[in-house]
C-alpha atoms as a PDB file:
ATOM      1  CA  UNK A   1     -79.072   1.867 -18.730  1.00  0.00           C
ATOM      2  CA  UNK A   2     -76.033   2.255 -20.982  1.00  0.00           C
ATOM      3  CA  UNK A   3     -77.051   5.829 -21.780  1.00  0.00           C
ATOM      4  CA  UNK A   4     -77.361   6.554 -18.045  1.00  0.00           C
ATOM      5  CA  UNK A   5     -73.916   5.043 -17.386  1.00  0.00           C
ATOM      6  CA  UNK A   6     -72.369   6.987 -20.265  1.00  0.00           C
ATOM      7  CA  UNK A   7     -73.843  10.256 -18.961  1.00  0.00           C
ATOM      8  CA  UNK A   8     -72.598   9.491 -15.428  1.00  0.00           C
ATOM      9  CA  UNK A   9     -69.040   8.933 -16.703  1.00  0.00           C
ATOM     10  CA  UNK A  10     -69.277  12.069 -18.817  1.00  0.00           C
ATOM     11  CA  UNK A  11     -70.178  14.170 -15.753  1.00  0.00           C
ATOM     12  CA  UNK A  12     -67.253  12.745 -13.809  1.00  0.00           C
ATOM     13  CA  UNK A  13     -64.828  13.537 -16.631  1.00  0.00           C
ATOM     14  CA  UNK A  14     -66.343  16.978 -17.323  1.00  0.00           C
ATOM     15  CA  UNK A  15     -67.728  18.216 -13.974  1.00  0.00           C
ATOM     16  CA  UNK A  16     -68.323  21.733 -15.320  1.00  0.00           C
ATOM     17  CA  UNK A  17     -71.176  20.312 -17.420  1.00  0.00           C
ATOM     18  CA  UNK A  18     -73.343  20.421 -14.313  1.00  0.00           C
ATOM     19  CA  UNK A  19     -76.226  22.875 -14.537  1.00  0.00           C
ATOM     20  CA  UNK A  20     -75.485  23.976 -10.960  1.00  0.00           C
ATOM     21  CA  UNK A  21     -72.638  23.554  -8.519  1.00  0.00           C
ATOM     22  CA  UNK A  22     -72.413  20.416  -6.387  1.00  0.00           C
ATOM     23  CA  UNK A  23     -70.741  20.269  -3.008  1.00  0.00           C
ATOM     24  CA  UNK A  24     -68.600  17.136  -2.651  1.00  0.00           C
ATOM     25  CA  UNK A  25     -70.350  14.728  -0.294  1.00  0.00           C
ATOM     26  CA  UNK A  26     -67.225  14.329   1.858  1.00  0.00           C
ATOM     27  CA  UNK A  27     -67.316  18.031   2.603  1.00  0.00           C
ATOM     28  CA  UNK A  28     -70.013  17.577   5.273  1.00  0.00           C
ATOM     29  CA  UNK A  29     -70.165  15.440   8.412  1.00  0.00           C
ATOM     30  CA  UNK A  30     -73.252  14.596  10.457  1.00  0.00           C
ATOM     31  CA  UNK A  31     -73.651  16.270  13.860  1.00  0.00           C
ATOM     32  CA  UNK A  32     -76.106  16.037  16.734  1.00  0.00           C
ATOM     33  CA  UNK A  33     -79.279  18.107  16.713  1.00  0.00           C
ATOM     34  CA  UNK A  34     -79.840  21.000  16.437  1.00  0.00           C
ATOM     35  CA  UNK A  35     -76.534  21.466  14.595  1.00  0.00           C
ATOM     36  CA  UNK A  36     -77.385  18.547  12.231  1.00  0.00           C
ATOM     37  CA  UNK A  37     -74.188  18.742  10.143  1.00  0.00           C
ATOM     38  CA  UNK A  38     -70.858  20.559   9.960  1.00  0.00           C
ATOM     39  CA  UNK A  39     -68.066  21.170   7.483  1.00  0.00           C
ATOM     40  CA  UNK A  40     -65.598  18.288   7.629  1.00  0.00           C
ATOM     41  CA  UNK A  41     -62.391  19.388   9.395  1.00  0.00           C
ATOM     42  CA  UNK A  42     -59.294  19.387   7.160  1.00  0.00           C
ATOM     43  CA  UNK A  43     -61.336  18.762   3.999  1.00  0.00           C
ATOM     44  CA  UNK A  44     -59.703  19.801   0.702  1.00  0.00           C
ATOM     45  CA  UNK A  45     -61.613  19.792  -2.582  1.00  0.00           C
ATOM     46  CA  UNK A  46     -62.988  21.809  -5.472  1.00  0.00           C
ATOM     47  CA  UNK A  47     -66.370  23.312  -6.250  1.00  0.00           C
ATOM     48  CA  UNK A  48     -67.138  23.170  -9.969  1.00  0.00           C
ATOM     49  CA  UNK A  49     -69.976  24.668 -11.992  1.00  0.00           C
ATOM     50  CA  UNK A  50     -70.351  25.994 -15.562  1.00  0.00           C
ATOM     51  CA  UNK A  51     -69.333  29.427 -14.226  1.00  0.00           C
ATOM     52  CA  UNK A  52     -66.430  28.716 -11.878  1.00  0.00           C
ATOM     53  CA  UNK A  53     -63.930  26.314 -10.383  1.00  0.00           C
ATOM     54  CA  UNK A  54     -63.001  27.242  -6.829  1.00  0.00           C
ATOM     55  CA  UNK A  55     -60.906  25.525  -4.201  1.00  0.00           C
ATOM     56  CA  UNK A  56     -62.456  24.559  -0.876  1.00  0.00           C
ATOM     57  CA  UNK A  57     -60.103  24.188   2.098  1.00  0.00           C
ATOM     58  CA  UNK A  58     -61.593  23.569   5.556  1.00  0.00           C
ATOM     59  CA  UNK A  59     -59.392  24.106   8.601  1.00  0.00           C
ATOM     60  CA  UNK A  60     -59.102  21.827  11.653  1.00  0.00           C
ATOM     61  CA  UNK A  61     -61.942  23.736  13.354  1.00  0.00           C
ATOM     62  CA  UNK A  62     -64.380  23.007  10.513  1.00  0.00           C
ATOM     63  CA  UNK A  63     -64.274  26.478   8.963  1.00  0.00           C
ATOM     64  CA  UNK A  64     -63.427  27.725   5.490  1.00  0.00           C
ATOM     65  CA  UNK A  65     -60.746  29.862   7.044  1.00  0.00           C
ATOM     66  CA  UNK A  66     -57.212  29.946   8.352  1.00  0.00           C
ATOM     67  CA  UNK A  67     -56.527  28.470  11.802  1.00  0.00           C
ATOM     68  CA  UNK A  68     -57.681  30.485  14.789  1.00  0.00           C
ATOM     69  CA  UNK A  69     -56.396  30.064  18.315  1.00  0.00           C
ATOM     70  CA  UNK A  70     -58.897  29.537  21.097  1.00  0.00           C
ATOM     71  CA  UNK A  71     -58.338  31.809  24.077  1.00  0.00           C
ATOM     72  CA  UNK A  72     -59.237  30.988  27.650  1.00  0.00           C
ATOM     73  CA  UNK A  73     -59.042  33.153  30.751  1.00  0.00           C
ATOM     74  CA  UNK A  74     -55.344  32.366  31.150  1.00  0.00           C
ATOM     75  CA  UNK A  75     -54.497  32.818  27.493  1.00  0.00           C
ATOM     76  CA  UNK A  76     -55.443  36.269  26.321  1.00  0.00           C
ATOM     77  CA  UNK A  77     -55.664  37.376  22.730  1.00  0.00           C
ATOM     78  CA  UNK A  78     -52.188  38.775  22.255  1.00  0.00           C
ATOM     79  CA  UNK A  79     -52.563  39.981  18.681  1.00  0.00           C
ATOM     80  CA  UNK A  80     -54.556  42.999  19.942  1.00  0.00           C
ATOM     81  CA  UNK A  81     -57.041  42.675  17.105  1.00  0.00           C
ATOM     82  CA  UNK A  82     -60.765  43.097  17.524  1.00  0.00           C
ATOM     83  CA  UNK A  83     -62.285  39.631  17.028  1.00  0.00           C
ATOM     84  CA  UNK A  84     -65.507  39.093  15.090  1.00  0.00           C
ATOM     85  CA  UNK A  85     -67.318  35.775  14.727  1.00  0.00           C
ATOM     86  CA  UNK A  86     -69.423  35.705  11.529  1.00  0.00           C
ATOM     87  CA  UNK A  87     -72.131  33.071  11.052  1.00  0.00           C
ATOM     88  CA  UNK A  88     -74.349  32.583   8.025  1.00  0.00           C
ATOM     89  CA  UNK A  89     -75.324  30.281   5.172  1.00  0.00           C
ATOM     90  CA  UNK A  90     -73.896  29.712   1.682  1.00  0.00           C
ATOM     91  CA  UNK A  91     -73.718  33.461   0.953  1.00  0.00           C
ATOM     92  CA  UNK A  92     -71.368  33.801   3.909  1.00  0.00           C
ATOM     93  CA  UNK A  93     -69.481  30.637   2.938  1.00  0.00           C
ATOM     94  CA  UNK A  94     -68.937  31.995  -0.588  1.00  0.00           C
ATOM     95  CA  UNK A  95     -69.454  29.352  -3.295  1.00  0.00           C
ATOM     96  CA  UNK A  96     -68.061  30.546  -6.614  1.00  0.00           C
ATOM     97  CA  UNK A  97     -65.255  32.652  -5.152  1.00  0.00           C
ATOM     98  CA  UNK A  98     -61.939  31.802  -3.551  1.00  0.00           C
ATOM     99  CA  UNK A  99     -61.631  32.115   0.223  1.00  0.00           C
ATOM    100  CA  UNK A 100     -59.624  35.346  -0.111  1.00  0.00           C
ATOM    101  CA  UNK A 101     -62.424  36.909  -2.204  1.00  0.00           C
ATOM    102  CA  UNK A 102     -65.391  36.438   0.175  1.00  0.00           C
ATOM    103  CA  UNK A 103     -67.018  39.473   1.749  1.00  0.00           C
ATOM    104  CA  UNK A 104     -65.819  38.254   5.162  1.00  0.00           C
ATOM    105  CA  UNK A 105     -62.212  38.493   3.988  1.00  0.00           C
ATOM    106  CA  UNK A 106     -62.919  41.928   2.491  1.00  0.00           C
ATOM    107  CA  UNK A 107     -64.284  43.105   5.864  1.00  0.00           C
ATOM    108  CA  UNK A 108     -61.369  41.539   7.745  1.00  0.00           C
ATOM    109  CA  UNK A 109     -58.725  43.216   5.606  1.00  0.00           C
ATOM    110  CA  UNK A 110     -60.527  46.564   5.429  1.00  0.00           C
ATOM    111  CA  UNK A 111     -60.968  46.867   9.205  1.00  0.00           C
ATOM    112  CA  UNK A 112     -57.779  44.991  10.202  1.00  0.00           C
ATOM    113  CA  UNK A 113     -59.721  42.696  12.519  1.00  0.00           C
ATOM    114  CA  UNK A 114     -59.630  38.958  13.164  1.00  0.00           C
ATOM    115  CA  UNK A 115     -62.645  37.513  11.359  1.00  0.00           C
ATOM    116  CA  UNK A 116     -63.712  33.971  12.276  1.00  0.00           C
ATOM    117  CA  UNK A 117     -65.541  32.842   9.138  1.00  0.00           C
ATOM    118  CA  UNK A 118     -68.249  30.370  10.155  1.00  0.00           C
ATOM    119  CA  UNK A 119     -70.534  30.365   7.122  1.00  0.00           C
ATOM    120  CA  UNK A 120     -71.964  26.927   6.278  1.00  0.00           C
ATOM    121  CA  UNK A 121     -74.113  26.195   3.191  1.00  0.00           C
ATOM    122  CA  UNK A 122     -77.712  25.391   4.079  1.00  0.00           C
ATOM    123  CA  UNK A 123     -77.570  26.697   7.640  1.00  0.00           C
ATOM    124  CA  UNK A 124     -80.482  28.611   9.116  1.00  0.00           C
ATOM    125  CA  UNK A 125     -80.485  30.792  12.220  1.00  0.00           C
ATOM    126  CA  UNK A 126     -81.211  27.666  14.289  1.00  0.00           C
ATOM    127  CA  UNK A 127     -78.030  25.937  13.081  1.00  0.00           C
ATOM    128  CA  UNK A 128     -76.030  29.130  13.543  1.00  0.00           C
ATOM    129  CA  UNK A 129     -77.240  29.525  17.118  1.00  0.00           C
ATOM    130  CA  UNK A 130     -76.363  25.885  17.857  1.00  0.00           C
ATOM    131  CA  UNK A 131     -72.877  26.402  16.368  1.00  0.00           C
ATOM    132  CA  UNK A 132     -72.356  29.552  18.425  1.00  0.00           C
ATOM    133  CA  UNK A 133     -73.253  27.815  21.680  1.00  0.00           C
ATOM    134  CA  UNK A 134     -71.159  24.711  20.913  1.00  0.00           C
ATOM    135  CA  UNK A 135     -68.071  26.169  19.192  1.00  0.00           C
ATOM    136  CA  UNK A 136     -68.309  29.910  18.633  1.00  0.00           C
ATOM    137  CA  UNK A 137     -68.148  30.831  22.295  1.00  0.00           C
ATOM    138  CA  UNK A 138     -64.735  29.150  22.552  1.00  0.00           C
ATOM    139  CA  UNK A 139     -63.291  31.963  20.426  1.00  0.00           C
ATOM    140  CA  UNK A 140     -64.379  34.612  22.948  1.00  0.00           C
ATOM    141  CA  UNK A 141     -65.341  37.063  20.177  1.00  0.00           C
ATOM    142  CA  UNK A 142     -65.748  40.783  20.779  1.00  0.00           C
ATOM    143  CA  UNK A 143     -68.691  40.812  18.375  1.00  0.00           C
ATOM    144  CA  UNK A 144     -70.886  38.276  16.596  1.00  0.00           C
ATOM    145  CA  UNK A 145     -72.455  39.011  13.200  1.00  0.00           C
ATOM    146  CA  UNK A 146     -75.434  36.969  12.029  1.00  0.00           C
ATOM    147  CA  UNK A 147     -75.606  37.351   8.247  1.00  0.00           C
ATOM    148  CA  UNK A 148     -79.262  36.916   7.274  1.00  0.00           C
ATOM    149  CA  UNK A 149     -80.630  35.968   3.845  1.00  0.00           C
ATOM    150  CA  UNK A 150     -84.336  35.694   3.007  1.00  0.00           C
ATOM    151  CA  UNK A 151     -84.378  31.900   2.740  1.00  0.00           C
ATOM    152  CA  UNK A 152     -83.336  31.688   6.409  1.00  0.00           C
ATOM    153  CA  UNK A 153     -86.987  31.839   7.477  1.00  0.00           C
ATOM    154  CA  UNK A 154     -87.618  28.700   5.422  1.00  0.00           C
ATOM    155  CA  UNK A 155     -84.608  27.040   7.043  1.00  0.00           C
ATOM    156  CA  UNK A 156     -85.894  28.033  10.491  1.00  0.00           C
ATOM    157  CA  UNK A 157     -89.356  26.560   9.892  1.00  0.00           C
ATOM    158  CA  UNK A 158     -89.503  22.935  11.047  1.00  0.00           C
ATOM    159  CA  UNK A 159     -92.538  22.340   8.806  1.00  0.00           C
ATOM    160  CA  UNK A 160     -90.819  23.547   5.616  1.00  0.00           C
ATOM    161  CA  UNK A 161     -88.801  20.333   5.253  1.00  0.00           C
ATOM    162  CA  UNK A 162     -85.548  22.149   4.461  1.00  0.00           C
ATOM    163  CA  UNK A 163     -83.472  20.825   7.372  1.00  0.00           C
ATOM    164  CA  UNK A 164     -80.613  18.626   6.207  1.00  0.00           C
ATOM    165  CA  UNK A 165     -78.139  16.187   7.659  1.00  0.00           C
ATOM    166  CA  UNK A 166     -75.561  13.670   6.420  1.00  0.00           C
ATOM    167  CA  UNK A 167     -76.442  10.038   5.800  1.00  0.00           C
ATOM    168  CA  UNK A 168     -73.953   7.549   4.348  1.00  0.00           C
ATOM    169  CA  UNK A 169     -71.749  10.406   3.128  1.00  0.00           C
ATOM    170  CA  UNK A 170     -74.471  12.419   1.377  1.00  0.00           C
ATOM    171  CA  UNK A 171     -76.124  15.664   2.477  1.00  0.00           C
ATOM    172  CA  UNK A 172     -79.829  14.801   2.369  1.00  0.00           C
ATOM    173  CA  UNK A 173     -83.159  15.967   3.748  1.00  0.00           C
ATOM    174  CA  UNK A 174     -83.468  15.354   7.474  1.00  0.00           C
ATOM    175  CA  UNK A 175     -87.011  14.127   6.871  1.00  0.00           C
ATOM    176  CA  UNK A 176     -85.615  11.281   4.775  1.00  0.00           C
ATOM    177  CA  UNK A 177     -83.292  10.214   7.586  1.00  0.00           C
ATOM    178  CA  UNK A 178     -86.081  10.109  10.156  1.00  0.00           C
ATOM    179  CA  UNK A 179     -88.714   8.490   7.929  1.00  0.00           C
ATOM    180  CA  UNK A 180     -86.753   5.801   6.043  1.00  0.00           C
ATOM    181  CA  UNK A 181     -85.486   2.443   7.320  1.00  0.00           C
ATOM    182  CA  UNK A 182     -81.693   2.162   7.187  1.00  0.00           C
ATOM    183  CA  UNK A 183     -81.585  -0.096   4.142  1.00  0.00           C
ATOM    184  CA  UNK A 184     -83.785   2.257   2.154  1.00  0.00           C
ATOM    185  CA  UNK A 185     -81.857   5.305   3.365  1.00  0.00           C
ATOM    186  CA  UNK A 186     -78.615   3.634   2.261  1.00  0.00           C
ATOM    187  CA  UNK A 187     -79.951   3.162  -1.257  1.00  0.00           C
ATOM    188  CA  UNK A 188     -81.410   6.677  -1.386  1.00  0.00           C
ATOM    189  CA  UNK A 189     -78.186   8.300  -0.143  1.00  0.00           C
ATOM    190  CA  UNK A 190     -76.025   6.456  -2.649  1.00  0.00           C
ATOM    191  CA  UNK A 191     -78.397   7.155  -5.539  1.00  0.00           C
ATOM    192  CA  UNK A 192     -78.372  10.810  -4.475  1.00  0.00           C
ATOM    193  CA  UNK A 193     -74.565  10.818  -4.892  1.00  0.00           C
ATOM    194  CA  UNK A 194     -74.900  10.001  -8.599  1.00  0.00           C
ATOM    195  CA  UNK A 195     -74.103  13.093 -10.631  1.00  0.00           C
ATOM    196  CA  UNK A 196     -76.678  12.128 -13.240  1.00  0.00           C
ATOM    197  CA  UNK A 197     -79.444  12.118 -10.650  1.00  0.00           C
ATOM    198  CA  UNK A 198     -78.337  15.460  -9.232  1.00  0.00           C
ATOM    199  CA  UNK A 199     -78.087  16.909 -12.728  1.00  0.00           C
ATOM    200  CA  UNK A 200     -81.655  15.873 -13.602  1.00  0.00           C
ATOM    201  CA  UNK A 201     -82.977  17.075 -10.249  1.00  0.00           C
ATOM    202  CA  UNK A 202     -81.288  20.451 -10.584  1.00  0.00           C
ATOM    203  CA  UNK A 203     -82.316  20.801 -14.241  1.00  0.00           C
ATOM    204  CA  UNK A 204     -85.931  20.277 -13.241  1.00  0.00           C
ATOM    205  CA  UNK A 205     -85.606  22.836 -10.435  1.00  0.00           C
ATOM    206  CA  UNK A 206     -84.168  25.477 -12.766  1.00  0.00           C
ATOM    207  CA  UNK A 207     -86.844  24.803 -15.399  1.00  0.00           C
ATOM    208  CA  UNK A 208     -89.584  25.036 -12.767  1.00  0.00           C
ATOM    209  CA  UNK A 209     -88.298  28.387 -11.512  1.00  0.00           C
ATOM    210  CA  UNK A 210     -88.097  29.784 -15.035  1.00  0.00           C
ATOM    211  CA  UNK A 211     -91.644  28.746 -15.990  1.00  0.00           C
ATOM    212  CA  UNK A 212     -93.797  29.940 -13.173  1.00  0.00           C
ATOM    213  CA  UNK A 213     -94.790  33.402 -12.059  1.00  0.00           C
ATOM    214  CA  UNK A 214     -94.034  32.887  -8.378  1.00  0.00           C
ATOM    215  CA  UNK A 215     -90.437  31.869  -8.156  1.00  0.00           C
ATOM    216  CA  UNK A 216     -90.801  29.564  -5.174  1.00  0.00           C
ATOM    217  CA  UNK A 217     -94.295  28.187  -4.622  1.00  0.00           C
ATOM    218  CA  UNK A 218     -94.979  27.158  -1.033  1.00  0.00           C
ATOM    219  CA  UNK A 219     -91.932  29.002   0.268  1.00  0.00           C
ATOM    220  CA  UNK A 220     -91.880  31.646   2.945  1.00  0.00           C
ATOM    221  CA  UNK A 221     -89.323  33.551   0.899  1.00  0.00           C
ATOM    222  CA  UNK A 222     -91.864  35.169  -1.410  1.00  0.00           C
ATOM    223  CA  UNK A 223     -94.293  35.754   1.472  1.00  0.00           C
ATOM    224  CA  UNK A 224     -91.723  37.903   3.262  1.00  0.00           C
ATOM    225  CA  UNK A 225     -92.164  40.651   0.662  1.00  0.00           C
ATOM    226  CA  UNK A 226     -95.902  40.988   1.337  1.00  0.00           C
ATOM    227  CA  UNK A 227     -96.737  44.559   2.401  1.00  0.00           C
ATOM    228  CA  UNK A 228     -98.796  43.256   5.328  1.00  0.00           C
ATOM    229  CA  UNK A 229     -95.941  41.330   6.904  1.00  0.00           C
ATOM    230  CA  UNK A 230     -94.597  42.236  10.357  1.00  0.00           C
ATOM    231  CA  UNK A 231     -92.335  40.873  13.078  1.00  0.00           C
ATOM    232  CA  UNK A 232     -95.158  39.021  14.876  1.00  0.00           C
ATOM    233  CA  UNK A 233     -96.555  37.337  11.762  1.00  0.00           C
ATOM    234  CA  UNK A 234     -96.444  33.565  11.357  1.00  0.00           C
ATOM    235  CA  UNK A 235     -93.769  33.966   8.662  1.00  0.00           C
ATOM    236  CA  UNK A 236     -91.363  35.503  11.179  1.00  0.00           C
ATOM    237  CA  UNK A 237     -92.221  33.877  14.490  1.00  0.00           C
ATOM    238  CA  UNK A 238     -89.443  31.246  14.438  1.00  0.00           C
ATOM    239  CA  UNK A 239     -86.736  33.640  13.274  1.00  0.00           C
ATOM    240  CA  UNK A 240     -87.848  36.262  15.819  1.00  0.00           C
ATOM    241  CA  UNK A 241     -87.543  33.726  18.643  1.00  0.00           C
ATOM    242  CA  UNK A 242     -84.142  32.451  17.475  1.00  0.00           C
ATOM    243  CA  UNK A 243     -82.685  35.967  17.290  1.00  0.00           C
ATOM    244  CA  UNK A 244     -84.043  36.606  20.780  1.00  0.00           C
ATOM    245  CA  UNK A 245     -82.220  33.476  21.981  1.00  0.00           C
ATOM    246  CA  UNK A 246     -79.078  34.640  20.168  1.00  0.00           C
ATOM    247  CA  UNK A 247     -79.211  37.921  22.055  1.00  0.00           C
ATOM    248  CA  UNK A 248     -79.709  36.140  25.379  1.00  0.00           C
ATOM    249  CA  UNK A 249     -76.728  33.856  24.670  1.00  0.00           C
ATOM    250  CA  UNK A 250     -74.308  36.784  24.212  1.00  0.00           C
ATOM    251  CA  UNK A 251     -71.658  37.030  26.928  1.00  0.00           C
ATOM    252  CA  UNK A 252     -71.267  40.366  28.651  1.00  0.00           C
ATOM    253  CA  UNK A 253     -69.342  42.884  26.550  1.00  0.00           C
ATOM    254  CA  UNK A 254     -69.965  40.874  23.338  1.00  0.00           C
ATOM    255  CA  UNK A 255     -72.042  42.770  20.781  1.00  0.00           C
ATOM    256  CA  UNK A 256     -74.567  41.007  18.554  1.00  0.00           C
ATOM    257  CA  UNK A 257     -75.011  42.387  15.039  1.00  0.00           C
ATOM    258  CA  UNK A 258     -77.446  41.352  12.296  1.00  0.00           C
ATOM    259  CA  UNK A 259     -76.447  42.063   8.690  1.00  0.00           C
ATOM    260  CA  UNK A 260     -79.004  41.710   5.899  1.00  0.00           C
ATOM    261  CA  UNK A 261     -77.888  40.170   2.578  1.00  0.00           C
ATOM    262  CA  UNK A 262     -80.123  41.434  -0.263  1.00  0.00           C
ATOM    263  CA  UNK A 263     -81.730  39.186  -2.826  1.00  0.00           C
ATOM    264  CA  UNK A 264     -80.689  39.870  -6.414  1.00  0.00           C
ATOM    265  CA  UNK A 265     -84.050  41.398  -7.395  1.00  0.00           C
ATOM    266  CA  UNK A 266     -83.825  43.936  -4.561  1.00  0.00           C
ATOM    267  CA  UNK A 267     -80.601  45.310  -6.027  1.00  0.00           C
ATOM    268  CA  UNK A 268     -80.709  44.689  -9.764  1.00  0.00           C
ATOM    269  CA  UNK A 269     -84.383  44.212 -10.677  1.00  0.00           C
ATOM    270  CA  UNK A 270     -86.861  46.090  -8.433  1.00  0.00           C
ATOM    271  CA  UNK A 271     -89.527  45.767 -11.140  1.00  0.00           C
ATOM    272  CA  UNK A 272     -89.683  42.047 -10.311  1.00  0.00           C
ATOM    273  CA  UNK A 273     -91.960  42.720  -7.330  1.00  0.00           C
ATOM    274  CA  UNK A 274     -95.747  42.865  -7.597  1.00  0.00           C
ATOM    275  CA  UNK A 275     -98.133  45.605  -6.413  1.00  0.00           C
ATOM    276  CA  UNK A 276     -98.957  43.743  -3.206  1.00  0.00           C
ATOM    277  CA  UNK A 277     -95.260  43.445  -2.353  1.00  0.00           C
ATOM    278  CA  UNK A 278     -92.680  45.815  -0.871  1.00  0.00           C
ATOM    279  CA  UNK A 279     -89.199  45.143  -2.208  1.00  0.00           C
ATOM    280  CA  UNK A 280     -87.690  46.109   1.170  1.00  0.00           C
ATOM    281  CA  UNK A 281     -90.239  44.479   3.482  1.00  0.00           C
ATOM    282  CA  UNK A 282     -87.894  41.722   4.824  1.00  0.00           C
ATOM    283  CA  UNK A 283     -85.286  44.377   5.609  1.00  0.00           C
ATOM    284  CA  UNK A 284     -87.843  46.492   7.457  1.00  0.00           C
ATOM    285  CA  UNK A 285     -89.202  43.603   9.515  1.00  0.00           C
ATOM    286  CA  UNK A 286     -85.719  42.367  10.391  1.00  0.00           C
ATOM    287  CA  UNK A 287     -84.752  45.904  11.379  1.00  0.00           C
ATOM    288  CA  UNK A 288     -87.816  46.109  13.621  1.00  0.00           C
ATOM    289  CA  UNK A 289     -86.881  42.795  15.261  1.00  0.00           C
ATOM    290  CA  UNK A 290     -83.346  44.056  15.845  1.00  0.00           C
ATOM    291  CA  UNK A 291     -84.620  47.333  17.299  1.00  0.00           C
ATOM    292  CA  UNK A 292     -86.911  45.611  19.805  1.00  0.00           C
ATOM    293  CA  UNK A 293     -84.119  43.244  20.861  1.00  0.00           C
ATOM    294  CA  UNK A 294     -81.550  46.049  21.106  1.00  0.00           C
ATOM    295  CA  UNK A 295     -79.414  44.404  18.413  1.00  0.00           C
ATOM    296  CA  UNK A 296     -77.224  46.425  16.052  1.00  0.00           C
ATOM    297  CA  UNK A 297     -78.578  46.151  12.502  1.00  0.00           C
ATOM    298  CA  UNK A 298     -76.791  46.655   9.170  1.00  0.00           C
ATOM    299  CA  UNK A 299     -78.654  46.871   5.855  1.00  0.00           C
ATOM    300  CA  UNK A 300     -76.819  48.147   2.771  1.00  0.00           C
ATOM    301  CA  UNK A 301     -79.506  47.155   0.252  1.00  0.00           C
ATOM    302  CA  UNK A 302     -80.552  50.716  -0.554  1.00  0.00           C
ATOM    303  CA  UNK A 303     -76.933  51.778  -1.047  1.00  0.00           C
ATOM    304  CA  UNK A 304     -76.248  48.855  -3.373  1.00  0.00           C
ATOM    305  CA  UNK A 305     -79.367  49.718  -5.369  1.00  0.00           C
ATOM    306  CA  UNK A 306     -78.392  53.393  -5.625  1.00  0.00           C
ATOM    307  CA  UNK A 307     -74.909  52.519  -6.864  1.00  0.00           C
ATOM    308  CA  UNK A 308     -76.826  50.980  -9.780  1.00  0.00           C
ATOM    309  CA  UNK A 309     -74.384  48.263 -10.739  1.00  0.00           C
ATOM    310  CA  UNK A 310     -75.393  44.989 -12.363  1.00  0.00           C
ATOM    311  CA  UNK A 311     -73.503  41.736 -12.599  1.00  0.00           C
ATOM    312  CA  UNK A 312     -72.983  41.396  -8.836  1.00  0.00           C
ATOM    313  CA  UNK A 313     -74.591  37.947  -8.640  1.00  0.00           C
ATOM    314  CA  UNK A 314     -74.156  34.655 -10.446  1.00  0.00           C
ATOM    315  CA  UNK A 315     -77.301  34.417 -12.550  1.00  0.00           C
ATOM    316  CA  UNK A 316     -76.779  31.403 -14.806  1.00  0.00           C
ATOM    317  CA  UNK A 317     -78.157  27.943 -14.068  1.00  0.00           C
ATOM    318  CA  UNK A 318     -80.021  28.874 -10.900  1.00  0.00           C
ATOM    319  CA  UNK A 319     -77.024  30.130  -8.901  1.00  0.00           C
ATOM    320  CA  UNK A 320     -78.053  33.405  -7.240  1.00  0.00           C
ATOM    321  CA  UNK A 321     -75.069  34.011  -4.943  1.00  0.00           C
ATOM    322  CA  UNK A 322     -72.696  36.972  -5.059  1.00  0.00           C
ATOM    323  CA  UNK A 323     -69.856  36.701  -7.559  1.00  0.00           C
ATOM    324  CA  UNK A 324     -66.492  38.247  -6.673  1.00  0.00           C
ATOM    325  CA  UNK A 325     -67.728  41.751  -7.592  1.00  0.00           C
ATOM    326  CA  UNK A 326     -70.780  41.359  -5.374  1.00  0.00           C
ATOM    327  CA  UNK A 327     -68.649  40.050  -2.516  1.00  0.00           C
ATOM    328  CA  UNK A 328     -66.277  42.984  -2.811  1.00  0.00           C
ATOM    329  CA  UNK A 329     -68.977  45.667  -2.927  1.00  0.00           C
ATOM    330  CA  UNK A 330     -71.065  44.139  -0.142  1.00  0.00           C
ATOM    331  CA  UNK A 331     -67.973  43.598   2.012  1.00  0.00           C
ATOM    332  CA  UNK A 332     -66.791  47.190   1.581  1.00  0.00           C
ATOM    333  CA  UNK A 333     -70.223  48.630   2.427  1.00  0.00           C
ATOM    334  CA  UNK A 334     -70.666  46.436   5.517  1.00  0.00           C
ATOM    335  CA  UNK A 335     -67.119  47.255   6.640  1.00  0.00           C
ATOM    336  CA  UNK A 336     -67.960  50.956   6.418  1.00  0.00           C
ATOM    337  CA  UNK A 337     -71.043  50.470   8.601  1.00  0.00           C
ATOM    338  CA  UNK A 338     -69.063  48.384  11.085  1.00  0.00           C
ATOM    339  CA  UNK A 339     -66.315  50.980  11.256  1.00  0.00           C
ATOM    340  CA  UNK A 340     -68.884  53.580  12.257  1.00  0.00           C
ATOM    341  CA  UNK A 341     -70.680  51.332  14.738  1.00  0.00           C
ATOM    342  CA  UNK A 342     -67.667  49.787  16.445  1.00  0.00           C
ATOM    343  CA  UNK A 343     -65.494  52.902  16.641  1.00  0.00           C
END
């Protein structure tokens, strides 16, 4: 017990000793289904890992962004800038980089547009659609970009157990909230806040990923690279339906765009994939879905691979997000595609 207590104090004093980053529990607030949780408005904190220390500032609208003004029919956008609403998960949120280094900021500055940055860690397409209907529409955007990453299909699958919500100040599995009595959930949530527990849990996860051939057993993520996959397969059915609903929810004159975010192996390590896999299969299927829904589709994976740069992702301790170099390159390439498509 004393060893446990000593280690807990040590992690509080030296937060960068964590094997992976930890979002502060106060950063998230519970929300009604299907949104489940949101970024806490006006939150200020820091995200610390062995690789970086970044500031997290959430505005009054619950976005990691500057303040945006809502416009109604009697209050037109008088800054004359094209307005883009961007939704996505942690890649779009940008852990490990400052807010002015994310690819959304790169796109905003490159194109001189107003970019509403609505990336939330852990969100799937279902959460993003719920956010768009509840809050995003208030911004009256000219275009909406759904930034897709391959773990979104897991997040969109109700049977995968990846949905999360906030209980007693901690971001926990939604299954725990619905299956536990309140007293047990209270204990679980508070134990989950202990840095020692999170450290051990994350250490085990990293070890497990490093010592098995298939990087994520039981996950749809690996299945998506199977050469036999297609838009009507069971792996894609939920995401296909959600993107269809996204398209149907678009107001007239508002363009929907899907942008694919490549996994690290697709850009820096193509040899990772097996003979029965196609390293660009998720891109192809997503492009097919976009085509059949008449949705603009952006995929810069091939270009990033051809540029042949390494060191675009955080690779230590299980963090596989873009670093600032990855954000910059991806943002510039997407901005170029947008400039062509929206001109």
